[in-house]
Amino acid sequence: MRPILIVILATSLQAAELPEVVVTATRSDNTPQELPMVAKKLDKKQIDERQPRNFPEALRETPGIAIQKTANGQGSPFIRGFTSFRTLLLIDGVRYNNSTFRDGPNQYWALIDPLSVDRLEVIPSQGSVLYGSDAIGGTVNTLTKGSGFLSEAEGSFFTHGLASYRWSSAEHSHVTHLESSIGEGKKWGLRVGGTLNQFGNVDAAGIGHQPHTGYDQSAFDARLDVALDDSWQLTALHQQARQNDVWRTHSTIHGISFAGTTIGTDRVRLFDQERSLSYLRLTGKDLNGFIDAASFTISFQTQGEEQLRVNGGGTKSLADVDLSTLGFDLQFESDSPIGRLVYGVDYYHDWVESDASNNPIQGAVADDSSYDLFGVFLQDQLDVGERLHFVVGGRYTHARADAGKFRDAATGAQQSFSDAWDNFSGNLRGMVDLDDQDRFQLFGGISQSFRSPNLSDLSRSDIALSGQVEVPSPGLSPETFLTYEIGLKAQTDSITASFAYFYTCIDDLIVRRPTGVGTQVSKSNSGSGFMQGIELAMNWQLDRQWSLFGHVSWVEGEADQFIGLTNNTRREPLGKVSPLIGYGGVRWQSRTKRVWTELVCLSYGEVARMNVSDQLDTQRIPPNGTPSFFLVTLRGGYQVNDRLILTAGVENLLDQAYRYHGSGSNEPGLGVNLGATVKF
């Protein structure tokens, strides 16, 4: 039940139904043809058809994106080779990344409810100028569902509702979703939604029943939009989600070996997680002055993480991290003689409390801590003649970490520290229209990005990889990156295609290194490296009923890594870099569009080129690397009438035993998915 993901531009037929608009790349409305980059989008119709199990898996068919799952309830995307703490996630433009995001593929993206999403926008290798730290692999903006009050007749009272259900045999899962909207056309609208997920233990090919891979998750969201007048709109939003009993099975005795992976020694290791977001936003458009548009957003987020561990000797420990984030974002847009200017300031402040039953000083990160990110940005979008287009911008960022209480790894004593960093990042991108109809375009650019050390880098005291123990590492410097990109885009009446090559230079990469004390590791800035890759994607609309689609992506990267206990480094492959990925399929839909079906194949190549860190992660990565696989799926849907939609799919038709590289458990074997949506 995961239909085609049109990831670049819509066909002419689709565009008539749903105009393509991208806001993330420039913080303002643009069509994809106006952008000197490939902008990838997934809208709510595609999400409804696809019915993904969780938020990360909604992205798994997107060119240039690979998926990793430390646990069945903890997924993370890799975008252009960089994982989720080096990619930036936004919710309606509000920064989701915070200072406790841990190293490597982490679990936080799985707390987003995909059924609350109106559309997803992915901007690869971009975002530091407009949004600050962490946007190295790219920026993903989650734009939430509203009530649709602006599309209703002015002054008319409206009510809408929707209920959906998804069942999967191989996952033993049940996903139930309800939402309702009320309001008055052109004046105000309120949408409320909720999702209840019950995920059972996964049945994997060749392995069978995988214990402790099931969990429960619930989510709630509400959004109120009020038109104050013809120019100004007020939006209030609240979201919350919670996961219960999400096991990291790979580190426990309940893990199952796959292709030679080892079994963990913990008797129990599970997480409860929750998050919330509330924001109030005032937006003005068509202001008829030097400032044409403006918005002010104040946001407040919470995130809680509780870990229960019982080690092999039976010793029980409890640890938790509680974080609150206050954010402010002020943005302006102005038309000027030198182009369309977008400029503003943003500020985020984290408060962190962290404790553990086996550590009287701190939990996973330093206790009684705070973290600040302040930024000032300016970006200009200008045209030179009719065929040459540029985007140029810059941002100044100030980051500050105050670690209130952490345990010194050498002495065991309580300590505290403060550190601060300043960064300027810029970008210059251009595009040439190769014909009068803007069907073919050549684009390219140079973009700087960075990631300031967060509290997890600086003060983490927790398990890492397969049995390592990470200790605090004050004194780190920011990571800096410089990306070069060149590519082509094409859109004709029947074909949409794109090609891109990128090369990212890496400096001061933060990596783990042994301390010489048992299995202890700490963080250090290792040196330089690179990440490069190619993305090719195409959608060919053969006629009104048939289409072919597919993409290929390849990345590789290397960086300086520390040799044993020395200060010497050597160049090694970057950790958990995704393999060669191919995707292709064929889709048919009836002339009325009430019936559709498609056959798709997603393939991951073998991952055998690994650094020492990956080789030591024996509970998740087989000794000879992660095997390749082909995931074949047949799915379709039937719109019975205006109120009832049915979907069905058969996944993993070849019943292949597989796991994503770096993941802690295997994915479902051959299984059937069924879904139904009722509108009222």
Foldseek 3Di string as FASTA:
>chain_A
DQDDFQFFADFPVVCVVPPAWDCQQAVHTDHSLQDQAGKTKDFLVNCVQGVDPFQVVNCPAHWQWHKFALALQAIWIQHLQRIDQLAWEAEQNHTPDDQQQAPDRTRPRRQDHPNQFRMKMWTACDDCQPPNARHGRTYIYGYGDWQCQQVDDAFDKDKKKKWKWKAWDQFRKIKIKIKMKIDGHPFKMKIKMKMKMWTDFGQAFPFGGQPQRTWIKMKIKMKMWGDPDPWKIKIKIKIKMKIDWGFSQLQDQSFDDDQAFDRHQWPGKTKIKMKMKIKMKMKGACPPDQFHIKMKMKMKMKIKMKIWTQGNVRDIKIKMKIKMKIKIWIWTWGQDPAAIKIWTKMKMKMFMAIDMPVQHWGGQFAGRKMKMKIKTKMWGWDDDPDFKIKIKMKMKIKIKIWRDWAADPPPRDIDIDMDMDIDMWMKMKMKGQPDPVSFKMKIKIKTKHKHANGRNQAAGFQADFRGATEGGHPDAGIKMKMKIKIKMWGHDNFKTKIKMKMKMKIAQDWDWADQPPPRYIHIGRFTIKMKIKMKIWMKGHPDLFKIKIKMKMAMWMWDWDDDHNDSDTDIATDAQGFAIKIKIKMKGADNVRQKIKMKMKIKGAWDQRHDPSLCVSSSQARNRGFHIDIKIKIKMKGNPDPFKIKIKMWIQPVQDWGRGGRYRHTHHGTMMMIMMMGMD
